Structures are given as structure tokens and as C-alpha cells.
Amino acid sequence: TGAKLVVAPIDERGDVIPQEYARRLGERTR
């Protein structure tokens, strides 16, 4: 489709970093 895959990173504990997850959300996120 031409869409883009975006990845929310994890920290050294193995948890998704909440701030990085939120930062990657936007009007283009479907």
C-alpha cells in the first residue's frame, strides 16, 4: 500500500518506552 512501518522501542528492562510510543503516534497512524 505504500504505508510505513514505525517501531516503538524498548528499554534495557524489556519494556516498551511509554514516551517513545506516544511520540510515534500521530495523525498518520492508522
PDB file of all heavy atoms in Angstrom:
ATOM      1  N   THR A   1       0.795  -1.233   0.000  1.00  0.00           N
ATOM      2  CA  THR A   1       0.000   0.000   0.000  1.00  0.00           C
ATOM      3  C   THR A   1       0.826   1.281   0.000  1.00  0.00           C
ATOM      4  O   THR A   1       0.270   2.366  -0.210  1.00  0.00           O
ATOM      5  CB  THR A   1      -0.909   0.036   1.237  1.00  0.00           C
ATOM      6  OG1 THR A   1      -0.090   0.043   2.418  1.00  0.00           O
ATOM      7  CG2 THR A   1      -1.837  -1.172   1.270  1.00  0.00           C
ATOM      8  N   GLY A   2       2.119   1.182   0.261  1.00  0.00           N
ATOM      9  CA  GLY A   2       2.928   2.387   0.383  1.00  0.00           C
ATOM     10  C   GLY A   2       2.911   2.994   1.765  1.00  0.00           C
ATOM     11  O   GLY A   2       3.458   4.085   1.984  1.00  0.00           O
ATOM     12  N   ALA A   3       2.279   2.304   2.714  1.00  0.00           N
ATOM     13  CA  ALA A   3       2.312   2.774   4.103  1.00  0.00           C
ATOM     14  C   ALA A   3       3.692   2.521   4.709  1.00  0.00           C
ATOM     15  O   ALA A   3       4.528   1.821   4.127  1.00  0.00           O
ATOM     16  CB  ALA A   3       1.222   2.082   4.919  1.00  0.00           C
ATOM     17  N   LYS A   4       3.915   3.047   5.887  1.00  0.00           N
ATOM     18  CA  LYS A   4       5.220   2.956   6.532  1.00  0.00           C
ATOM     19  C   LYS A   4       5.090   2.235   7.866  1.00  0.00           C
ATOM     20  O   LYS A   4       4.166   2.508   8.639  1.00  0.00           O
ATOM     21  CB  LYS A   4       5.778   4.368   6.760  1.00  0.00           C
ATOM     22  CG  LYS A   4       7.120   4.404   7.491  1.00  0.00           C
ATOM     23  CD  LYS A   4       7.548   5.853   7.725  1.00  0.00           C
ATOM     24  CE  LYS A   4       8.867   5.925   8.512  1.00  0.00           C
ATOM     25  NZ  LYS A   4       9.245   7.334   8.790  1.00  0.00           N
ATOM     26  N   LEU A   5       6.017   1.314   8.131  1.00  0.00           N
ATOM     27  CA  LEU A   5       6.050   0.629   9.417  1.00  0.00           C
ATOM     28  C   LEU A   5       6.908   1.441  10.390  1.00  0.00           C
ATOM     29  O   LEU A   5       8.057   1.781  10.097  1.00  0.00           O
ATOM     30  CB  LEU A   5       6.634  -0.773   9.268  1.00  0.00           C
ATOM     31  CG  LEU A   5       6.508  -1.679  10.502  1.00  0.00           C
ATOM     32  CD1 LEU A   5       5.063  -2.115  10.703  1.00  0.00           C
ATOM     33  CD2 LEU A   5       7.418  -2.896  10.372  1.00  0.00           C
ATOM     34  N   VAL A   6       6.342   1.763  11.554  1.00  0.00           N
ATOM     35  CA  VAL A   6       7.027   2.546  12.584  1.00  0.00           C
ATOM     36  C   VAL A   6       7.158   1.666  13.827  1.00  0.00           C
ATOM     37  O   VAL A   6       6.244   0.916  14.167  1.00  0.00           O
ATOM     38  CB  VAL A   6       6.240   3.828  12.917  1.00  0.00           C
ATOM     39  CG1 VAL A   6       6.926   4.626  14.025  1.00  0.00           C
ATOM     40  CG2 VAL A   6       6.079   4.683  11.659  1.00  0.00           C
ATOM     41  N   VAL A   7       8.306   1.760  14.505  1.00  0.00           N
ATOM     42  CA  VAL A   7       8.592   0.863  15.627  1.00  0.00           C
ATOM     43  C   VAL A   7       8.795   1.665  16.911  1.00  0.00           C
ATOM     44  O   VAL A   7       9.632   2.579  16.970  1.00  0.00           O
ATOM     45  CB  VAL A   7       9.853   0.010  15.360  1.00  0.00           C
ATOM     46  CG1 VAL A   7      10.088  -0.956  16.520  1.00  0.00           C
ATOM     47  CG2 VAL A   7       9.708  -0.754  14.044  1.00  0.00           C
ATOM     48  N   ALA A   8       8.039   1.314  17.956  1.00  0.00           N
ATOM     49  CA  ALA A   8       8.240   1.895  19.289  1.00  0.00           C
ATOM     50  C   ALA A   8       9.288   1.063  20.019  1.00  0.00           C
ATOM     51  O   ALA A   8       9.111  -0.152  20.180  1.00  0.00           O
ATOM     52  CB  ALA A   8       6.930   1.893  20.070  1.00  0.00           C
ATOM     53  N   PRO A   9      10.385   1.662  20.471  1.00  0.00           N
ATOM     54  CA  PRO A   9      11.499   0.890  21.037  1.00  0.00           C
ATOM     55  C   PRO A   9      11.238   0.443  22.473  1.00  0.00           C
ATOM     56  O   PRO A   9      10.348   0.949  23.162  1.00  0.00           O
ATOM     57  CB  PRO A   9      12.654   1.879  20.984  1.00  0.00           C
ATOM     58  CG  PRO A   9      12.003   3.217  21.124  1.00  0.00           C
ATOM     59  CD  PRO A   9      10.688   3.102  20.397  1.00  0.00           C
ATOM     60  N   ILE A  10      12.054  -0.509  22.906  1.00  0.00           N
ATOM     61  CA  ILE A  10      12.026  -0.984  24.293  1.00  0.00           C
ATOM     62  C   ILE A  10      13.275  -0.510  25.012  1.00  0.00           C
ATOM     63  O   ILE A  10      14.277  -0.128  24.398  1.00  0.00           O
ATOM     64  CB  ILE A  10      11.908  -2.514  24.365  1.00  0.00           C
ATOM     65  CG1 ILE A  10      13.102  -3.195  23.671  1.00  0.00           C
ATOM     66  CG2 ILE A  10      10.594  -2.966  23.765  1.00  0.00           C
ATOM     67  CD1 ILE A  10      13.112  -4.712  23.809  1.00  0.00           C
ATOM     68  N   ASP A  11      13.223  -0.546  26.345  1.00  0.00           N
ATOM     69  CA  ASP A  11      14.389  -0.175  27.145  1.00  0.00           C
ATOM     70  C   ASP A  11      15.154  -1.430  27.546  1.00  0.00           C
ATOM     71  O   ASP A  11      14.835  -2.545  27.112  1.00  0.00           O
ATOM     72  CB  ASP A  11      13.978   0.650  28.366  1.00  0.00           C
ATOM     73  CG  ASP A  11      13.012  -0.086  29.290  1.00  0.00           C
ATOM     74  OD1 ASP A  11      12.968  -1.341  29.257  1.00  0.00           O
ATOM     75  OD2 ASP A  11      12.278   0.583  30.050  1.00  0.00           O
ATOM     76  N   GLU A  12      16.164  -1.261  28.385  1.00  0.00           N
ATOM     77  CA  GLU A  12      17.020  -2.389  28.749  1.00  0.00           C
ATOM     78  C   GLU A  12      16.323  -3.366  29.679  1.00  0.00           C
ATOM     79  O   GLU A  12      16.815  -4.472  29.903  1.00  0.00           O
ATOM     80  CB  GLU A  12      18.320  -1.879  29.364  1.00  0.00           C
ATOM     81  CG  GLU A  12      19.205  -1.159  28.366  1.00  0.00           C
ATOM     82  CD  GLU A  12      19.383  -1.957  27.076  1.00  0.00           C
ATOM     83  OE1 GLU A  12      19.859  -3.101  27.158  1.00  0.00           O
ATOM     84  OE2 GLU A  12      19.016  -1.446  26.006  1.00  0.00           O
ATOM     85  N   ARG A  13      15.198  -2.985  30.223  1.00  0.00           N
ATOM     86  CA  ARG A  13      14.428  -3.917  31.037  1.00  0.00           C
ATOM     87  C   ARG A  13      13.542  -4.815  30.177  1.00  0.00           C
ATOM     88  O   ARG A  13      13.049  -5.846  30.642  1.00  0.00           O
ATOM     89  CB  ARG A  13      13.557  -3.152  32.036  1.00  0.00           C
ATOM     90  CG  ARG A  13      14.331  -2.331  33.046  1.00  0.00           C
ATOM     91  CD  ARG A  13      13.429  -1.741  34.109  1.00  0.00           C
ATOM     92  NE  ARG A  13      12.809  -2.788  34.931  1.00  0.00           N
ATOM     93  CZ  ARG A  13      12.219  -2.539  36.108  1.00  0.00           C
ATOM     94  NH1 ARG A  13      12.167  -1.318  36.579  1.00  0.00           N
ATOM     95  NH2 ARG A  13      11.667  -3.524  36.788  1.00  0.00           N
ATOM     96  N   GLY A  14      13.315  -4.406  28.932  1.00  0.00           N
ATOM     97  CA  GLY A  14      12.414  -5.155  28.070  1.00  0.00           C
ATOM     98  C   GLY A  14      11.008  -4.614  28.087  1.00  0.00           C
ATOM     99  O   GLY A  14      10.063  -5.323  27.722  1.00  0.00           O
ATOM    100  N   ASP A  15      10.839  -3.363  28.484  1.00  0.00           N
ATOM    101  CA  ASP A  15       9.540  -2.706  28.464  1.00  0.00           C
ATOM    102  C   ASP A  15       9.505  -1.700  27.315  1.00  0.00           C
ATOM    103  O   ASP A  15      10.515  -1.031  27.028  1.00  0.00           O
ATOM    104  CB  ASP A  15       9.280  -1.952  29.775  1.00  0.00           C
ATOM    105  CG  ASP A  15       8.989  -2.883  30.936  1.00  0.00           C
ATOM    106  OD1 ASP A  15       8.176  -3.804  30.759  1.00  0.00           O
ATOM    107  OD2 ASP A  15       9.576  -2.685  32.020  1.00  0.00           O
ATOM    108  N   VAL A  16       8.335  -1.564  26.688  1.00  0.00           N
ATOM    109  CA  VAL A  16       8.160  -0.504  25.699  1.00  0.00           C
ATOM    110  C   VAL A  16       8.278   0.837  26.414  1.00  0.00           C
ATOM    111  O   VAL A  16       7.685   1.045  27.476  1.00  0.00           O
ATOM    112  CB  VAL A  16       6.798  -0.626  25.005  1.00  0.00           C
ATOM    113  CG1 VAL A  16       6.589   0.515  24.011  1.00  0.00           C
ATOM    114  CG2 VAL A  16       6.681  -1.974  24.297  1.00  0.00           C
ATOM    115  N   ILE A  17       9.054   1.762  25.855  1.00  0.00           N
ATOM    116  CA  ILE A  17       9.267   3.072  26.476  1.00  0.00           C
ATOM    117  C   ILE A  17       8.023   3.925  26.219  1.00  0.00           C
ATOM    118  O   ILE A  17       7.731   4.281  25.063  1.00  0.00           O
ATOM    119  CB  ILE A  17      10.508   3.754  25.893  1.00  0.00           C
ATOM    120  CG1 ILE A  17      11.740   2.848  26.065  1.00  0.00           C
ATOM    121  CG2 ILE A  17      10.742   5.110  26.559  1.00  0.00           C
ATOM    122  CD1 ILE A  17      12.966   3.324  25.309  1.00  0.00           C
ATOM    123  N   PRO A  18       7.260   4.263  27.255  1.00  0.00           N
ATOM    124  CA  PRO A  18       5.977   4.945  27.041  1.00  0.00           C
ATOM    125  C   PRO A  18       6.103   6.253  26.271  1.00  0.00           C
ATOM    126  O   PRO A  18       5.279   6.545  25.393  1.00  0.00           O
ATOM    127  CB  PRO A  18       5.456   5.178  28.465  1.00  0.00           C
ATOM    128  CG  PRO A  18       6.154   4.160  29.310  1.00  0.00           C
ATOM    129  CD  PRO A  18       7.503   3.982  28.686  1.00  0.00           C
ATOM    130  N   GLN A  19       7.124   7.032  26.601  1.00  0.00           N
ATOM    131  CA  GLN A  19       7.274   8.328  25.936  1.00  0.00           C
ATOM    132  C   GLN A  19       7.566   8.158  24.440  1.00  0.00           C
ATOM    133  O   GLN A  19       7.104   8.947  23.608  1.00  0.00           O
ATOM    134  CB  GLN A  19       8.401   9.137  26.596  1.00  0.00           C
ATOM    135  CG  GLN A  19       8.168   9.442  28.065  1.00  0.00           C
ATOM    136  CD  GLN A  19       8.710   8.343  28.975  1.00  0.00           C
ATOM    137  OE1 GLN A  19       8.868   7.185  28.573  1.00  0.00           O
ATOM    138  NE2 GLN A  19       9.011   8.717  30.216  1.00  0.00           N
ATOM    139  N   GLU A  20       8.362   7.120  24.119  1.00  0.00           N
ATOM    140  CA  GLU A  20       8.700   6.887  22.716  1.00  0.00           C
ATOM    141  C   GLU A  20       7.492   6.356  21.941  1.00  0.00           C
ATOM    142  O   GLU A  20       7.311   6.677  20.764  1.00  0.00           O
ATOM    143  CB  GLU A  20       9.878   5.909  22.608  1.00  0.00           C
ATOM    144  CG  GLU A  20      11.179   6.450  23.178  1.00  0.00           C
ATOM    145  CD  GLU A  20      11.645   7.688  22.435  1.00  0.00           C
ATOM    146  OE1 GLU A  20      11.443   7.769  21.203  1.00  0.00           O
ATOM    147  OE2 GLU A  20      12.199   8.596  23.074  1.00  0.00           O
ATOM    148  N   TYR A  21       6.697   5.530  22.609  1.00  0.00           N
ATOM    149  CA  TYR A  21       5.455   5.060  21.987  1.00  0.00           C
ATOM    150  C   TYR A  21       4.558   6.262  21.680  1.00  0.00           C
ATOM    151  O   TYR A  21       4.052   6.412  20.553  1.00  0.00           O
ATOM    152  CB  TYR A  21       4.745   4.081  22.910  1.00  0.00           C
ATOM    153  CG  TYR A  21       3.328   3.745  22.482  1.00  0.00           C
ATOM    154  CD1 TYR A  21       3.086   2.781  21.501  1.00  0.00           C
ATOM    155  CD2 TYR A  21       2.230   4.403  23.041  1.00  0.00           C
ATOM    156  CE1 TYR A  21       1.786   2.482  21.098  1.00  0.00           C
ATOM    157  CE2 TYR A  21       0.930   4.102  22.641  1.00  0.00           C
ATOM    158  CZ  TYR A  21       0.721   3.146  21.673  1.00  0.00           C
ATOM    159  OH  TYR A  21      -0.563   2.862  21.278  1.00  0.00           O
ATOM    160  N   ALA A  22       4.351   7.123  22.664  1.00  0.00           N
ATOM    161  CA  ALA A  22       3.470   8.285  22.475  1.00  0.00           C
ATOM    162  C   ALA A  22       4.006   9.214  21.397  1.00  0.00           C
ATOM    163  O   ALA A  22       3.235   9.787  20.608  1.00  0.00           O
ATOM    164  CB  ALA A  22       3.318   9.027  23.803  1.00  0.00           C
ATOM    165  N   ARG A  23       5.333   9.354  21.344  1.00  0.00           N
ATOM    166  CA  ARG A  23       5.938  10.266  20.369  1.00  0.00           C
ATOM    167  C   ARG A  23       5.728   9.784  18.932  1.00  0.00           C
ATOM    168  O   ARG A  23       5.676  10.588  17.996  1.00  0.00           O
ATOM    169  CB  ARG A  23       7.431  10.394  20.661  1.00  0.00           C
ATOM    170  CG  ARG A  23       8.132  11.529  19.923  1.00  0.00           C
ATOM    171  CD  ARG A  23       9.499  11.802  20.496  1.00  0.00           C
ATOM    172  NE  ARG A  23      10.426  10.715  20.239  1.00  0.00           N
ATOM    173  CZ  ARG A  23      11.122  10.570  19.106  1.00  0.00           C
ATOM    174  NH1 ARG A  23      10.962  11.437  18.122  1.00  0.00           N
ATOM    175  NH2 ARG A  23      11.964   9.589  18.955  1.00  0.00           N
ATOM    176  N   ARG A  24       5.572   8.497  18.760  1.00  0.00           N
ATOM    177  CA  ARG A  24       5.418   7.941  17.419  1.00  0.00           C
ATOM    178  C   ARG A  24       3.963   7.901  16.952  1.00  0.00           C
ATOM    179  O   ARG A  24       3.699   7.582  15.803  1.00  0.00           O
ATOM    180  CB  ARG A  24       6.051   6.553  17.358  1.00  0.00           C
ATOM    181  CG  ARG A  24       7.585   6.624  17.290  1.00  0.00           C
ATOM    182  CD  ARG A  24       8.235   5.328  17.711  1.00  0.00           C
ATOM    183  NE  ARG A  24       9.678   5.387  17.501  1.00  0.00           N
ATOM    184  CZ  ARG A  24      10.526   6.034  18.287  1.00  0.00           C
ATOM    185  NH1 ARG A  24      10.080   6.696  19.346  1.00  0.00           N
ATOM    186  NH2 ARG A  24      11.829   6.031  18.033  1.00  0.00           N
ATOM    187  N   LEU A  25       3.051   8.185  17.843  1.00  0.00           N
ATOM    188  CA  LEU A  25       1.643   8.288  17.462  1.00  0.00           C
ATOM    189  C   LEU A  25       1.378   9.653  16.830  1.00  0.00           C
ATOM    190  O   LEU A  25       1.904  10.662  17.287  1.00  0.00           O
ATOM    191  CB  LEU A  25       0.740   8.132  18.686  1.00  0.00           C
ATOM    192  CG  LEU A  25       0.516   6.736  19.255  1.00  0.00           C
ATOM    193  CD1 LEU A  25      -0.241   6.843  20.566  1.00  0.00           C
ATOM    194  CD2 LEU A  25      -0.238   5.849  18.268  1.00  0.00           C
ATOM    195  N   GLY A  26       0.569   9.663  15.797  1.00  0.00           N
ATOM    196  CA  GLY A  26       0.247  10.945  15.180  1.00  0.00           C
ATOM    197  C   GLY A  26      -0.899  10.801  14.197  1.00  0.00           C
ATOM    198  O   GLY A  26      -1.514   9.738  14.068  1.00  0.00           O
ATOM    199  N   GLU A  27      -1.153  11.845  13.456  1.00  0.00           N
ATOM    200  CA  GLU A  27      -2.295  11.858  12.545  1.00  0.00           C
ATOM    201  C   GLU A  27      -2.123  10.865  11.399  1.00  0.00           C
ATOM    202  O   GLU A  27      -3.103  10.471  10.760  1.00  0.00           O
ATOM    203  CB  GLU A  27      -2.508  13.263  11.984  1.00  0.00           C
ATOM    204  CG  GLU A  27      -1.339  13.798  11.182  1.00  0.00           C
ATOM    205  CD  GLU A  27      -1.586  15.203  10.680  1.00  0.00           C
ATOM    206  OE1 GLU A  27      -2.509  15.861  11.181  1.00  0.00           O
ATOM    207  OE2 GLU A  27      -0.839  15.635   9.769  1.00  0.00           O
ATOM    208  N   ARG A  28      -0.873  10.424  11.144  1.00  0.00           N
ATOM    209  CA  ARG A  28      -0.642   9.441  10.088  1.00  0.00           C
ATOM    210  C   ARG A  28      -0.827   8.002  10.575  1.00  0.00           C
ATOM    211  O   ARG A  28      -0.893   7.084   9.763  1.00  0.00           O
ATOM    212  CB  ARG A  28       0.770   9.598   9.519  1.00  0.00           C
ATOM    213  CG  ARG A  28       0.999  10.903   8.770  1.00  0.00           C
ATOM    214  CD  ARG A  28       2.426  10.972   8.244  1.00  0.00           C
ATOM    215  NE  ARG A  28       2.666  12.193   7.493  1.00  0.00           N
ATOM    216  CZ  ARG A  28       2.449  12.327   6.175  1.00  0.00           C
ATOM    217  NH1 ARG A  28       1.986  11.300   5.482  1.00  0.00           N
ATOM    218  NH2 ARG A  28       2.705  13.463   5.559  1.00  0.00           N
ATOM    219  N   THR A  29      -0.900   7.798  11.894  1.00  0.00           N
ATOM    220  CA  THR A  29      -1.013   6.451  12.439  1.00  0.00           C
ATOM    221  C   THR A  29      -2.405   5.893  12.170  1.00  0.00           C
ATOM    222  O   THR A  29      -3.395   6.408  12.678  1.00  0.00           O
ATOM    223  CB  THR A  29      -0.746   6.439  13.959  1.00  0.00           C
ATOM    224  OG1 THR A  29       0.477   7.125  14.241  1.00  0.00           O
ATOM    225  CG2 THR A  29      -0.653   5.005  14.466  1.00  0.00           C
ATOM    226  N   ARG A  30      -2.472   4.835  11.380  1.00  0.00           N
ATOM    227  CA  ARG A  30      -3.764   4.214  11.069  1.00  0.00           C
ATOM    228  C   ARG A  30      -3.994   2.938  11.878  1.00  0.00           C
ATOM    229  O   ARG A  30      -5.131   2.583  12.174  1.00  0.00           O
ATOM    230  CB  ARG A  30      -3.849   3.892   9.574  1.00  0.00           C
ATOM    231  CG  ARG A  30      -3.821   5.104   8.667  1.00  0.00           C
ATOM    232  CD  ARG A  30      -5.060   5.978   8.842  1.00  0.00           C
ATOM    233  NE  ARG A  30      -6.305   5.242   8.731  1.00  0.00           N
ATOM    234  CZ  ARG A  30      -6.879   4.884   7.589  1.00  0.00           C
ATOM    235  NH1 ARG A  30      -6.309   5.193   6.430  1.00  0.00           N
ATOM    236  NH2 ARG A  30      -8.021   4.230   7.588  1.00  0.00           N
TER     237      ARG A  30
END
